[in-house]
Each structure stands twice: as structure tokens, then as C-alpha cells.
Amino acid sequence: METEGLDLYPNSHFSIAFRNDSGREGTLEIHQETEDAPSLFSEDLSTRRRIIGCREFNNDSKRGLEYLLEHSILQHTPESVAGFFMEENDRLSKFAVGTYLGEVRKEFNMKVLDAFTRLHDFRNRDFIPSLRRFLLSFQLPGESQKIDRILTSFADWYLEQNPSAFNSPHEAYVLAYAAILLNTTLHNANAKGQTLGLSEEKIFVRTLLNYDTETDLPEELIRLQCFQVAGQHSNDRMDLVQLVPLLLSA
């Protein structure tokens, strides 16, 4: 089939005139309500490429990002990658995203982590619900060094958005780490013997008060966080088997 011409009608449709091998002529018309008819096809192609990119990333993050960069779905900036993680959170593997964000030895990955953290809105939100919301957007790696870096990013951003919540980011970090340990103790039967009775409120409070000289957490605040962690409904609990698989053995 030979095409004789292509006439575009941006406000309504476009048509393709053709002649097949037997000499028969005809016109193929494609109607489009939008102002730019061909955009329908480019949008569909872009969506398909995003889906393919997500699948590639879930299998191999490096290969997936290379595919997305090659097809101009992403730019090679921390903000672009972080935005993609948020936009495609339902398609992307939480494990793959968490593994990528936990690459503490790669400077670019750490910039993506901080950019990703800053896409969360914690303004005027309580600390424990904010931590839970953050950790449900990816799977926290098990290694203590990676947990440390991720919780540091969270603590810095939470305090920046809620400057009166704590005296320092370090206090927010300590409380976040303690909340994960407490949550692990409460909801993981295998962990209870390894966390020195932290599930008991008195021990939890005393442990945090005596943690180090850099923290000055009010006892009332510690008790409140303990209550919020212990009082989570079963369907709202952080999945500790997924979130902190190696925390106690690291």
C-alpha cells in the first residue's frame, strides 16, 4: 500500500490517503476531539513505556532506569527519579525501591532518597502516623547502616516541616528508631526475647530517657509515641517481617 499524502486537521481529525497494490484508492480518517490528534498515540506510547520501565526496574533497577532515561521518561536528576518513584508507587516493587534508596555508598542514590523523602507532606501531622506513612511507600532495607541513613533523612525532613516538634533532628531520629524496635517487639513473636522487654511501657520510656546525653525527649512525648505504636489497628501496622527483616541481627 502506498500513501499519497497526509493531511492534518489539528482541531478535529487527520486523514491518510492511500492506494493499495491493486490500484484501489481510499482514505483512512481518524477523528480526535483534542486539539492535537497525534498526541493520543504519543500518550499511549509513553504510558506503555512507563509500564515497561517499571517492570524492568522491579527486576533490575539499573536496567530499568536506563530504559526510562533512554526513552525520555526520566531525566538524570534525583528529583526526576524520586518523582517517578512517587508517581508509580503502585506499579513499582516496594522492595526494589527500598533497595535503591538504601544504597548508602552511592551519592546519586542518596540524593534520590532525600528528594523522595521531601515529596512526603508531614506538615501538622503526628510523628508516628508520619513515620508509618513514609515507611509504607517502600520496603525498609534490613541492614542497620541503611536504616540509619533512611531514618536520618526522614527525621531531618519531619523536623523541617514541624520545627516545634523536637529540639533537634537527632531526637526525631532516636524516636523513629525506637518506634520501629517497639513495633517489632509488639507484633513479631520471634523478636520479643531479643529486645529486652521494650514492649513494656516503663522499660521503653526508661530506655529512651537513658539512651544518650544528646537527647532530651520529654517523658510525656515518649509515652504518647509508645501509646500510638501499641494502639495501631492490625490493618494499619507496619509489616515488620517486610520492613525490618534483619534489624535485630544486624
Protein backbone atom coordinates (compact mmCIF):
# COMPACT_ATOMS: atom_id res chain seq x y z
CA MET A 1 0.00 0.00 0.00
CA GLU A 2 1.34 3.41 -0.99
CA THR A 3 0.41 6.62 0.77
CA GLU A 4 -0.14 9.67 -1.41
CA GLY A 5 -0.37 12.27 1.30
CA LEU A 6 -1.00 13.09 4.90
CA ASP A 7 -3.42 15.89 5.78
CA LEU A 8 -3.59 17.02 9.41
CA TYR A 9 -6.60 18.75 10.90
CA PRO A 10 -5.49 19.67 14.43
CA ASN A 11 -8.93 20.76 15.63
CA SER A 12 -10.86 17.68 14.53
CA HIS A 13 -9.16 14.79 12.77
CA PHE A 14 -6.44 13.73 10.42
CA SER A 15 -6.63 11.55 7.33
CA ILE A 16 -4.34 9.36 5.26
CA ALA A 17 -4.99 8.86 1.52
CA PHE A 18 -3.76 5.50 0.20
CA ARG A 19 -3.63 3.28 -2.89
CA ASN A 20 -3.23 -0.48 -2.44
CA ASP A 21 -1.37 -2.88 -4.73
CA SER A 22 -4.43 -3.45 -6.96
CA GLY A 23 -4.82 0.26 -7.61
CA ARG A 24 -7.77 0.78 -5.32
CA GLU A 25 -7.76 4.18 -3.64
CA GLY A 26 -9.21 5.24 -0.32
CA THR A 27 -8.88 7.48 2.66
CA LEU A 28 -8.37 6.48 6.27
CA GLU A 29 -9.73 9.11 8.64
CA ILE A 30 -9.02 9.19 12.37
CA HIS A 31 -11.16 11.54 14.44
CA GLN A 32 -9.85 13.10 17.59
CA GLU A 33 -11.63 15.54 19.88
CA THR A 34 -8.50 17.10 21.27
CA GLU A 35 -6.62 19.91 19.57
CA ASP A 36 -3.66 17.73 18.69
CA ALA A 37 -4.81 14.45 17.16
CA PRO A 38 -1.45 12.61 17.12
CA SER A 39 -0.99 13.24 20.86
CA LEU A 40 -3.32 10.32 21.64
CA PHE A 41 -0.81 7.91 20.22
CA SER A 42 2.20 9.53 21.86
CA GLU A 43 0.44 9.46 25.25
CA ASP A 44 -0.38 5.77 24.87
CA LEU A 45 3.20 5.02 23.89
CA SER A 46 4.51 6.98 26.85
CA THR A 47 2.23 5.06 29.22
CA ARG A 48 3.33 1.74 27.77
CA ARG A 49 6.96 2.73 28.17
CA ARG A 50 6.38 3.73 31.79
CA ILE A 51 4.82 0.34 32.48
CA ILE A 52 7.70 -1.46 30.78
CA GLY A 53 10.16 0.71 32.70
CA CYS A 54 8.51 -0.21 36.00
CA ARG A 55 8.75 -3.91 35.18
CA GLU A 56 12.38 -3.55 34.19
CA PHE A 57 13.14 -1.61 37.39
CA ASN A 58 11.47 -4.25 39.53
CA ASN A 59 13.75 -6.89 38.01
CA ASP A 60 16.89 -4.78 37.77
CA SER A 61 16.89 -1.16 38.96
CA LYS A 62 19.88 -0.15 36.83
CA ARG A 63 18.44 -1.61 33.64
CA GLY A 64 15.03 -0.14 34.41
CA LEU A 65 16.36 3.38 34.92
CA GLU A 66 18.47 3.10 31.77
CA TYR A 67 15.35 2.18 29.79
CA LEU A 68 13.39 5.09 31.26
CA LEU A 69 16.21 7.53 30.55
CA GLU A 70 16.67 6.22 27.02
CA HIS A 71 13.00 6.84 26.24
CA SER A 72 12.94 10.26 27.92
CA ILE A 73 10.52 9.17 30.65
CA LEU A 74 13.05 10.37 33.23
CA GLN A 75 15.79 12.94 33.43
CA HIS A 76 19.04 12.07 35.10
CA THR A 77 18.31 14.11 38.22
CA PRO A 78 17.49 12.99 41.78
CA GLU A 79 14.24 14.94 41.63
CA SER A 80 13.08 13.20 38.44
CA VAL A 81 13.82 9.70 39.76
CA ALA A 82 12.23 10.48 43.14
CA GLY A 83 9.13 11.85 41.43
CA PHE A 84 8.85 8.70 39.35
CA PHE A 85 9.03 6.57 42.50
CA MET A 86 6.12 8.52 43.95
CA GLU A 87 4.04 8.63 40.76
CA GLU A 88 4.44 4.91 40.06
CA ASN A 89 4.34 3.73 43.67
CA ASP A 90 1.61 1.20 42.92
CA ARG A 91 3.45 -0.35 39.97
CA LEU A 92 6.92 -0.37 41.45
CA SER A 93 8.12 -3.09 43.78
CA LYS A 94 8.44 -1.70 47.33
CA PHE A 95 11.45 -3.98 47.75
CA ALA A 96 13.16 -2.64 44.61
CA VAL A 97 12.57 0.98 45.63
CA GLY A 98 13.81 0.36 49.18
CA THR A 99 16.90 -1.41 47.90
CA TYR A 100 17.69 1.52 45.61
CA LEU A 101 17.13 4.10 48.36
CA GLY A 102 19.33 2.09 50.70
CA GLU A 103 22.45 2.20 48.52
CA VAL A 104 24.31 4.38 51.03
CA ARG A 105 27.62 4.20 49.16
CA LYS A 106 26.17 5.75 46.00
CA GLU A 107 25.93 9.53 46.16
CA PHE A 108 23.25 9.80 43.49
CA ASN A 109 21.03 7.28 45.27
CA MET A 110 21.32 9.26 48.50
CA LYS A 111 20.27 12.41 46.69
CA VAL A 112 17.28 10.50 45.33
CA LEU A 113 16.47 9.35 48.88
CA ASP A 114 16.42 12.91 50.22
CA ALA A 115 14.38 14.12 47.24
CA PHE A 116 11.96 11.22 47.69
CA THR A 117 11.58 11.95 51.41
CA ARG A 118 10.81 15.60 50.65
CA LEU A 119 7.92 14.60 48.41
CA HIS A 120 6.05 13.46 51.53
CA ASP A 121 3.91 16.05 53.26
CA PHE A 122 4.24 15.76 57.06
CA ARG A 123 3.09 19.27 57.91
CA ASN A 124 0.95 19.35 61.07
CA ARG A 125 0.90 15.55 61.19
CA ASP A 126 1.70 13.47 64.26
CA PHE A 127 5.08 11.80 64.31
CA ILE A 128 4.13 8.10 64.36
CA PRO A 129 1.47 8.34 61.61
CA SER A 130 4.01 10.26 59.51
CA LEU A 131 6.66 7.59 60.06
CA ARG A 132 4.17 4.86 59.19
CA ARG A 133 3.12 6.69 56.02
CA PHE A 134 6.74 7.14 54.98
CA LEU A 135 7.70 3.50 55.56
CA LEU A 136 4.70 2.20 53.66
CA SER A 137 5.91 3.89 50.47
CA PHE A 138 8.83 1.45 50.15
CA GLN A 139 10.31 -1.55 51.93
CA LEU A 140 12.89 -0.58 54.52
CA PRO A 141 16.15 -2.50 53.99
CA GLY A 142 17.31 -4.70 56.84
CA GLU A 143 20.90 -3.51 57.29
CA SER A 144 21.35 -1.11 60.20
CA GLN A 145 23.55 1.30 58.21
CA LYS A 146 20.84 1.67 55.56
CA ILE A 147 18.09 2.06 58.16
CA ASP A 148 20.18 4.73 59.85
CA ARG A 149 20.55 6.79 56.66
CA ILE A 150 16.89 6.49 55.70
CA LEU A 151 15.63 7.43 59.17
CA THR A 152 18.04 10.36 59.26
CA SER A 153 16.51 11.64 56.02
CA PHE A 154 13.02 11.22 57.48
CA ALA A 155 13.92 12.93 60.78
CA ASP A 156 15.53 15.93 59.04
CA TRP A 157 12.50 16.50 56.81
CA TYR A 158 9.93 15.90 59.53
CA LEU A 159 11.54 18.49 61.79
CA GLU A 160 11.90 20.94 58.91
CA GLN A 161 8.16 20.71 58.32
CA ASN A 162 7.33 20.65 62.04
CA PRO A 163 10.04 22.82 63.65
CA SER A 164 8.43 22.83 67.10
CA ALA A 165 8.06 19.05 67.35
CA PHE A 166 11.61 18.31 68.56
CA ASN A 167 14.69 20.16 69.71
CA SER A 168 16.87 18.53 67.04
CA PRO A 169 16.71 16.06 64.15
CA HIS A 170 18.66 13.63 66.32
CA GLU A 171 15.74 13.42 68.76
CA ALA A 172 13.36 12.66 65.89
CA TYR A 173 15.77 10.01 64.60
CA VAL A 174 16.06 8.33 68.03
CA LEU A 175 12.31 8.22 68.46
CA ALA A 176 11.79 6.84 64.94
CA TYR A 177 14.31 4.04 65.51
CA ALA A 178 12.79 3.28 68.91
CA ALA A 179 9.30 3.16 67.40
CA ILE A 180 10.43 0.56 64.87
CA LEU A 181 12.01 -1.53 67.63
CA LEU A 182 8.88 -1.25 69.75
CA ASN A 183 6.65 -2.14 66.82
CA THR A 184 8.86 -5.13 66.08
CA THR A 185 8.65 -6.29 69.69
CA LEU A 186 4.88 -5.93 69.87
CA HIS A 187 4.00 -7.62 66.60
CA ASN A 188 6.79 -10.10 65.96
CA ALA A 189 6.79 -13.07 68.33
CA ASN A 190 10.34 -14.04 67.37
CA ALA A 191 11.67 -10.63 68.41
CA LYS A 192 10.29 -10.34 71.91
CA GLY A 193 13.15 -12.22 73.50
CA GLN A 194 15.74 -10.04 71.77
CA THR A 195 14.56 -6.55 72.66
CA LEU A 196 14.87 -6.61 76.43
CA GLY A 197 11.19 -6.18 77.22
CA LEU A 198 10.75 -2.95 75.27
CA SER A 199 7.07 -3.76 74.87
CA GLU A 200 6.57 -2.76 78.50
CA GLU A 201 5.88 0.97 78.65
CA LYS A 202 8.06 1.63 81.69
CA ILE A 203 11.07 -0.09 80.13
CA PHE A 204 10.50 1.63 76.79
CA VAL A 205 10.32 5.06 78.42
CA ARG A 206 13.34 4.45 80.66
CA THR A 207 15.40 3.14 77.74
CA LEU A 208 14.79 6.27 75.70
CA LEU A 209 15.35 8.62 78.63
CA ASN A 210 18.73 6.99 79.28
CA TYR A 211 19.67 6.48 75.62
CA ASP A 212 22.33 9.19 75.36
CA THR A 213 23.12 12.68 76.52
CA GLU A 214 22.20 14.25 73.18
CA THR A 215 18.50 13.55 73.54
CA ASP A 216 16.18 15.49 75.78
CA LEU A 217 12.88 13.86 74.92
CA PRO A 218 10.07 14.71 77.34
CA GLU A 219 8.73 11.66 79.13
CA GLU A 220 5.17 12.61 78.13
CA LEU A 221 6.14 12.61 74.46
CA ILE A 222 7.78 9.18 74.76
CA ARG A 223 4.67 7.77 76.44
CA LEU A 224 2.48 9.22 73.69
CA GLN A 225 4.57 7.61 70.95
CA CYS A 226 4.53 4.31 72.83
CA PHE A 227 0.74 4.50 73.04
CA GLN A 228 0.39 5.33 69.34
CA VAL A 229 2.61 2.43 68.26
CA ALA A 230 0.96 -0.06 70.62
CA GLY A 231 -2.52 1.14 69.68
CA GLN A 232 -2.26 0.58 65.92
CA HIS A 233 -5.07 -1.44 64.43
CA SER A 234 -3.92 -4.70 62.91
CA ASN A 235 -4.58 -3.50 59.36
CA ASP A 236 -2.54 -0.33 59.94
CA ARG A 237 0.53 -1.99 61.43
CA MET A 238 3.80 -1.74 59.64
CA ASP A 239 4.58 -5.17 58.23
CA LEU A 240 7.65 -5.87 60.29
CA VAL A 241 8.65 -9.01 58.51
CA GLN A 242 8.99 -6.83 55.39
CA LEU A 243 10.09 -3.56 56.96
CA VAL A 244 12.83 -4.73 59.26
CA PRO A 245 13.80 -8.28 58.30
CA LEU A 246 17.35 -8.08 59.69
CA LEU A 247 17.13 -5.25 62.19
CA LEU A 248 17.68 -7.35 65.29
CA SER A 249 20.51 -9.40 63.83
CA ALA A 250 22.38 -6.51 62.17
